[in-house]
Amino acid sequence: MSDPYKILGVKSDASQDEIKKAYRTLAKKLHPDLNPGDKKVEQEFKDVTAAYDLLSDEKKRAKYDRGGMAGAAGAGPSAKSASGFWKAWTSARKKQGSGFGFSDIFDDDDADMFDDILRKHDQGGGGSGRGGGAYTVGPDVNYKLKVGFVEAAAGATKRVTLSDGKTLDLKIPPATETGKTLRLKGQGRKGSNNGPAGDAFVEITVEPHDYFQRDGQNIRVDIPVTLYEAVLGGTITVPTVHGNVSLKIPPKSNTGATLRLKGKGMPAVGGKAAGDQLVTLKIVLPEGEDPELIKLMQKWSDEKGYNPRHKMRFS
């Protein structure tokens, strides 16, 4: 194996986080299951895996830094002797413990992708049970869960009951939309011959709200205001998914005017900035008979009458 730092594209004084990030990027790009039949890419992946195996171990790395590959002899698998990703991964799990998983190296989405690859490998007969025979990964289980609009927007923890009677807490990420599926690893059916359990997949349905509506990262809401609030202006209390806030209404505001509450929409997630809440004003007259209001409006109409439709050329 040539210089492991060059293979991973990092400097010799790179931190463990930088080494892990470099490996994460390359492994996602070069994995053989994502490039079937490409021997060159397969060899590159072995080189990257061997380089990471060496540099992620402080003792192996120190030996290499002191004496190059000669100093690192026996410290880790070479690209030529590496038997592939599965052996390297099994070795890593033994070294780190049974709790070590893809999430220790990859981001959530990438970890899920590599978990799927590993599961396919196992289901293809690559695994062996504790009794020595081949095992199979247990089947997955699918569930559906309804979540309130505010819970889905702000994020929440919901207690769910699985088909086997087990209850656990499911974390609903902020800004969750209808159709999003959450994965509960190892919460599916048990595998045969002590094989690992499958996963549980929970599909989310966000229930409609009485007045909130989602518009991308923004949230829209219609807010009723009095005639005098619209004419004179004022400050009113407006609900948001983050709690109630104060909103200043400018004088002479019309029905349909939309005011913006910065950052009060969907939370920032997945590289998307936090959204805003868009408040549309709706002028609402008082219920029931109000002779004084009618008299006031009649007088105002006689003295200050105007036609807001003249620009549309009809009366």
Protein backbone atom coordinates (compact mmCIF):
# COMPACT_ATOMS: atom_id res chain seq x y z
CA MET A 1 0.00 0.00 0.00
CA SER A 2 1.30 3.44 -0.90
CA ASP A 3 1.07 6.50 1.35
CA PRO A 4 -2.28 6.16 3.23
CA TYR A 5 -2.49 9.93 3.64
CA LYS A 6 -2.34 10.38 -0.13
CA ILE A 7 -4.88 7.60 -0.65
CA LEU A 8 -7.38 9.37 1.60
CA GLY A 9 -6.36 12.80 0.31
CA VAL A 10 -5.51 14.25 3.72
CA LYS A 11 -2.45 15.92 5.20
CA SER A 12 -0.08 14.03 7.49
CA ASP A 13 -1.28 16.07 10.47
CA ALA A 14 -4.98 15.50 9.71
CA SER A 15 -7.28 15.04 12.69
CA GLN A 16 -9.31 11.87 13.20
CA ASP A 17 -12.43 13.78 12.19
CA GLU A 18 -10.78 14.83 8.92
CA ILE A 19 -9.65 11.24 8.27
CA LYS A 20 -13.12 9.90 9.00
CA LYS A 21 -14.73 12.53 6.74
CA ALA A 22 -12.34 11.71 3.88
CA TYR A 23 -13.02 7.99 4.22
CA ARG A 24 -16.75 8.59 4.38
CA THR A 25 -16.69 10.51 1.11
CA LEU A 26 -14.51 7.99 -0.73
CA ALA A 27 -16.30 4.91 0.61
CA LYS A 28 -19.65 6.26 -0.50
CA LYS A 29 -18.23 6.85 -4.00
CA LEU A 30 -16.16 3.68 -4.43
CA HIS A 31 -18.10 0.92 -2.69
CA PRO A 32 -18.10 -2.20 -4.95
CA ASP A 33 -21.82 -2.79 -4.51
CA LEU A 34 -22.39 0.67 -5.97
CA ASN A 35 -19.96 -0.04 -8.83
CA PRO A 36 -20.65 -3.69 -9.76
CA GLY A 37 -18.07 -5.32 -12.00
CA ASP A 38 -15.60 -2.43 -11.91
CA LYS A 39 -12.33 -4.06 -10.79
CA LYS A 40 -10.45 -0.76 -10.74
CA VAL A 41 -12.95 0.84 -8.39
CA GLU A 42 -12.97 -2.32 -6.25
CA GLN A 43 -9.19 -2.10 -5.87
CA GLU A 44 -9.41 1.61 -5.04
CA PHE A 45 -11.97 0.80 -2.40
CA LYS A 46 -9.67 -1.80 -0.86
CA ASP A 47 -6.85 0.75 -0.81
CA VAL A 48 -9.09 3.32 0.87
CA THR A 49 -10.34 0.77 3.42
CA ALA A 50 -6.82 -0.34 4.26
CA ALA A 51 -5.64 3.27 4.56
CA TYR A 52 -8.49 4.11 6.90
CA ASP A 53 -7.93 0.95 8.95
CA LEU A 54 -4.33 2.08 9.50
CA LEU A 55 -4.85 5.80 10.13
CA SER A 56 -7.95 5.42 12.31
CA ASP A 57 -5.91 3.37 14.78
CA GLU A 58 -3.64 5.69 16.77
CA LYS A 59 -1.03 2.98 17.46
CA LYS A 60 -0.84 1.85 13.84
CA ARG A 61 -0.70 5.45 12.68
CA ALA A 62 2.12 6.27 15.09
CA LYS A 63 4.15 3.29 13.84
CA TYR A 64 3.62 4.38 10.26
CA ASP A 65 4.58 8.00 11.03
CA ARG A 66 7.81 6.80 12.66
CA GLY A 67 8.94 4.39 9.97
CA GLY A 68 6.67 4.52 6.94
CA MET A 69 5.23 1.23 5.71
CA ALA A 70 8.20 -0.65 7.19
CA GLY A 71 7.34 0.74 10.60
CA ALA A 72 3.73 -0.16 10.08
CA ALA A 73 4.45 -3.74 9.04
CA GLY A 74 1.90 -5.96 10.64
CA ALA A 75 0.00 -2.93 11.86
CA GLY A 76 -2.87 -3.32 9.46
CA PRO A 77 -4.06 -5.04 6.29
CA SER A 78 -2.47 -4.06 3.01
CA ALA A 79 -4.56 -3.44 -0.06
CA LYS A 80 -3.26 -6.67 -1.61
CA SER A 81 -3.94 -8.82 1.43
CA ALA A 82 -7.31 -7.23 2.24
CA SER A 83 -10.09 -9.66 1.43
CA GLY A 84 -12.59 -6.88 0.82
CA PHE A 85 -14.98 -4.69 2.63
CA TRP A 86 -16.80 -7.38 4.59
CA LYS A 87 -13.67 -8.76 6.25
CA ALA A 88 -12.48 -5.24 7.06
CA TRP A 89 -15.88 -4.38 8.50
CA THR A 90 -16.03 -7.57 10.58
CA SER A 91 -12.55 -6.81 11.91
CA ALA A 92 -13.60 -3.27 12.79
CA ARG A 93 -16.65 -4.52 14.66
CA LYS A 94 -14.55 -6.98 16.66
CA LYS A 95 -12.06 -4.25 17.50
CA GLN A 96 -14.66 -1.63 18.46
CA GLY A 97 -17.26 -3.93 20.02
CA SER A 98 -20.69 -5.16 19.00
CA GLY A 99 -22.17 -1.68 19.35
CA PHE A 100 -19.96 -0.36 16.57
CA GLY A 101 -22.01 0.42 13.47
CA PHE A 102 -22.02 2.36 10.23
CA SER A 103 -23.38 5.38 12.11
CA ASP A 104 -20.01 5.63 13.88
CA ILE A 105 -18.41 6.52 10.55
CA PHE A 106 -21.17 7.76 8.27
CA ASP A 107 -23.95 10.32 8.47
CA ASP A 108 -27.45 8.93 9.07
CA ASP A 109 -28.48 8.71 5.40
CA ASP A 110 -25.16 7.14 4.34
CA ALA A 111 -25.21 4.76 7.30
CA ASP A 112 -28.66 3.56 6.29
CA MET A 113 -27.45 3.01 2.73
CA PHE A 114 -24.49 0.89 3.83
CA ASP A 115 -26.68 -0.98 6.31
CA ASP A 116 -28.88 -1.94 3.37
CA ILE A 117 -25.82 -3.20 1.46
CA LEU A 118 -24.73 -5.25 4.47
CA ARG A 119 -28.21 -6.70 4.87
CA LYS A 120 -28.27 -7.72 1.19
CA HIS A 121 -24.92 -9.40 1.68
CA ASP A 122 -26.22 -11.32 4.69
CA GLN A 123 -29.47 -12.25 2.98
CA GLY A 124 -27.45 -13.57 0.08
CA GLY A 125 -25.98 -16.22 2.37
CA GLY A 126 -22.85 -14.36 3.42
CA GLY A 127 -23.51 -14.66 7.15
CA SER A 128 -23.12 -17.56 9.49
CA GLY A 129 -25.05 -18.12 12.70
CA ARG A 130 -23.69 -18.90 16.13
CA GLY A 131 -24.43 -22.54 15.51
CA GLY A 132 -22.24 -22.53 12.41
CA GLY A 133 -25.06 -22.69 9.83
CA ALA A 134 -26.12 -19.97 7.46
CA TYR A 135 -28.53 -17.46 8.89
CA THR A 136 -30.95 -15.04 7.32
CA VAL A 137 -31.83 -11.53 8.35
CA GLY A 138 -35.36 -11.27 9.74
CA PRO A 139 -38.09 -9.62 7.65
CA ASP A 140 -38.86 -5.94 8.01
CA VAL A 141 -42.12 -4.69 9.51
CA ASN A 142 -44.04 -1.63 8.31
CA TYR A 143 -46.13 0.70 10.43
CA LYS A 144 -48.11 3.90 9.92
CA LEU A 145 -48.25 6.73 12.45
CA LYS A 146 -50.32 9.93 12.50
CA VAL A 147 -48.58 12.99 13.93
CA GLY A 148 -50.00 16.40 14.73
CA PHE A 149 -48.95 19.34 12.56
CA VAL A 150 -47.13 21.17 15.36
CA GLU A 151 -45.36 17.99 16.51
CA ALA A 152 -44.19 17.30 12.95
CA ALA A 153 -43.05 20.89 12.46
CA ALA A 154 -41.19 21.44 15.72
CA GLY A 155 -40.12 17.83 16.31
CA ALA A 156 -41.38 15.53 19.04
CA THR A 157 -40.99 12.15 20.70
CA LYS A 158 -43.89 9.72 20.32
CA ARG A 159 -44.41 6.49 22.27
CA VAL A 160 -45.22 3.69 19.81
CA THR A 161 -46.25 0.08 20.36
CA LEU A 162 -44.83 -2.55 18.01
CA SER A 163 -46.63 -5.68 16.84
CA ASP A 164 -44.79 -7.80 19.42
CA GLY A 165 -46.11 -5.59 22.23
CA LYS A 166 -42.83 -3.77 22.79
CA THR A 167 -43.14 -0.02 23.36
CA LEU A 168 -40.44 2.48 22.60
CA ASP A 169 -39.94 6.19 21.99
CA LEU A 170 -39.77 7.31 18.37
CA LYS A 171 -38.08 10.61 17.67
CA ILE A 172 -39.95 12.69 15.08
CA PRO A 173 -37.40 15.01 13.41
CA PRO A 174 -38.29 18.70 12.99
CA ALA A 175 -39.93 19.69 9.68
CA THR A 176 -41.23 16.17 9.05
CA GLU A 177 -43.59 15.85 6.07
CA THR A 178 -46.28 13.33 5.22
CA GLY A 179 -44.74 10.26 3.61
CA LYS A 180 -41.45 10.42 5.49
CA THR A 181 -40.42 6.98 6.70
CA LEU A 182 -38.45 6.54 9.91
CA ARG A 183 -36.30 3.47 10.44
CA LEU A 184 -36.04 1.55 13.70
CA LYS A 185 -33.01 -0.68 13.28
CA GLY A 186 -33.34 -4.20 14.58
CA GLN A 187 -37.01 -3.80 15.56
CA GLY A 188 -38.41 -6.09 12.85
CA ARG A 189 -38.92 -9.85 12.91
CA LYS A 190 -36.16 -12.11 14.21
CA GLY A 191 -33.90 -13.85 11.73
CA SER A 192 -33.44 -17.59 11.44
CA ASN A 193 -30.57 -19.45 13.14
CA ASN A 194 -29.87 -16.49 15.45
CA GLY A 195 -29.65 -14.14 12.50
CA PRO A 196 -30.14 -10.41 13.14
CA ALA A 197 -33.65 -9.01 13.27
CA GLY A 198 -35.01 -6.95 10.43
CA ASP A 199 -35.99 -3.33 10.77
CA ALA A 200 -39.24 -1.54 11.49
CA PHE A 201 -40.24 1.24 9.09
CA VAL A 202 -42.72 3.84 10.31
CA GLU A 203 -44.45 5.95 7.65
CA ILE A 204 -45.57 9.33 8.96
CA THR A 205 -48.84 11.07 8.11
CA VAL A 206 -49.04 14.68 9.26
CA GLU A 207 -52.57 15.58 10.31
CA PRO A 208 -54.07 18.83 8.99
CA HIS A 209 -54.22 21.77 11.37
CA ASP A 210 -57.15 24.06 12.08
CA TYR A 211 -55.29 27.12 10.82
CA PHE A 212 -51.63 26.32 9.95
CA GLN A 213 -50.71 25.29 6.40
CA ARG A 214 -47.26 24.28 5.21
CA ASP A 215 -45.74 25.97 2.16
CA GLY A 216 -42.28 24.46 1.70
CA GLN A 217 -40.22 25.72 4.62
CA ASN A 218 -42.77 28.45 5.32
CA ILE A 219 -46.00 28.19 7.29
CA ARG A 220 -49.08 30.15 6.27
CA VAL A 221 -51.88 31.22 8.57
CA ASP A 222 -54.92 33.47 8.13
CA ILE A 223 -55.50 35.76 11.11
CA PRO A 224 -58.79 37.62 11.64
CA VAL A 225 -58.51 41.29 12.63
CA THR A 226 -61.11 43.90 13.55
CA LEU A 227 -62.00 46.78 11.28
CA TYR A 228 -60.43 49.26 13.67
CA GLU A 229 -57.21 47.21 13.98
CA ALA A 230 -56.92 47.25 10.19
CA VAL A 231 -57.61 50.99 9.96
CA LEU A 232 -55.69 52.23 13.00
CA GLY A 233 -52.98 49.57 13.21
CA GLY A 234 -51.93 47.90 16.42
CA THR A 235 -50.22 44.90 17.98
CA ILE A 236 -51.88 41.50 18.16
CA THR A 237 -50.87 38.04 19.42
CA VAL A 238 -50.29 35.43 16.71
CA PRO A 239 -49.79 31.67 17.21
CA THR A 240 -46.77 29.91 15.66
CA VAL A 241 -45.49 26.33 15.92
CA HIS A 242 -42.84 27.76 18.26
CA GLY A 243 -45.34 29.50 20.56
CA ASN A 244 -47.29 32.76 20.57
CA VAL A 245 -45.57 35.95 19.35
CA SER A 246 -46.53 39.61 18.98
CA LEU A 247 -47.21 41.01 15.50
CA LYS A 248 -47.46 44.70 14.64
CA ILE A 249 -50.18 45.58 12.14
CA PRO A 250 -49.47 48.71 10.08
CA PRO A 251 -52.27 51.33 9.87
CA LYS A 252 -54.61 51.06 6.87
CA SER A 253 -53.95 47.36 6.32
CA ASN A 254 -56.22 45.63 3.82
CA THR A 255 -57.72 42.17 3.89
CA GLY A 256 -55.24 39.91 2.12
CA ALA A 257 -52.18 41.84 3.31
CA THR A 258 -49.46 39.35 4.23
CA LEU A 259 -46.98 40.03 7.02
CA ARG A 260 -43.82 37.98 7.60
CA LEU A 261 -42.56 36.56 10.89
CA LYS A 262 -38.91 35.82 10.18
CA GLY A 263 -37.68 32.38 11.23
CA LYS A 264 -41.04 31.29 12.68
CA GLY A 265 -41.75 28.66 10.03
CA MET A 266 -40.22 25.20 9.70
CA PRO A 267 -36.91 24.73 11.57
CA ALA A 268 -33.64 24.56 9.65
CA VAL A 269 -32.98 20.94 8.57
CA GLY A 270 -30.92 19.11 5.96
CA GLY A 271 -29.16 22.21 4.72
CA LYS A 272 -32.41 24.13 4.38
CA ALA A 273 -32.67 27.44 6.22
CA ALA A 274 -35.43 28.01 8.73
CA GLY A 275 -38.65 29.14 7.10
CA ASP A 276 -40.89 32.08 7.94
CA GLN A 277 -44.50 32.33 9.03
CA LEU A 278 -46.62 34.25 6.55
CA VAL A 279 -49.60 35.91 8.24
CA THR A 280 -52.48 36.94 5.97
CA LEU A 281 -54.92 39.44 7.49
CA LYS A 282 -58.66 38.90 7.21
CA ILE A 283 -60.90 41.79 8.30
CA VAL A 284 -63.87 40.44 10.23
CA LEU A 285 -66.89 42.59 11.15
CA PRO A 286 -68.67 42.10 14.49
CA GLU A 287 -71.47 39.54 14.64
CA GLY A 288 -75.08 40.58 15.10
CA GLU A 289 -76.80 43.92 14.49
CA ASP A 290 -74.78 47.05 15.22
CA PRO A 291 -76.80 50.18 14.38
CA GLU A 292 -74.00 52.50 15.48
CA LEU A 293 -71.50 50.87 13.13
CA ILE A 294 -73.96 51.06 10.23
CA LYS A 295 -74.67 54.72 10.99
CA LEU A 296 -70.95 55.49 11.22
CA MET A 297 -70.18 53.72 7.95
CA GLN A 298 -73.08 55.47 6.19
CA LYS A 299 -71.80 58.86 7.30
CA TRP A 300 -68.25 57.97 6.35
CA SER A 301 -69.45 56.74 2.95
CA ASP A 302 -71.34 59.99 2.27
CA GLU A 303 -68.36 62.14 3.25
CA LYS A 304 -65.35 60.02 2.26
CA GLY A 305 -66.76 57.64 -0.28
CA TYR A 306 -64.35 56.00 -2.73
CA ASN A 307 -64.37 53.23 -5.36
CA PRO A 308 -61.52 50.70 -4.97
CA ARG A 309 -62.56 49.08 -8.28
CA HIS A 310 -61.96 52.05 -10.53
CA LYS A 311 -58.60 50.71 -11.66
CA MET A 312 -60.42 47.63 -12.93
CA ARG A 313 -62.73 49.94 -14.95
CA PHE A 314 -66.00 48.88 -13.42
CA SER A 315 -68.07 50.27 -10.63
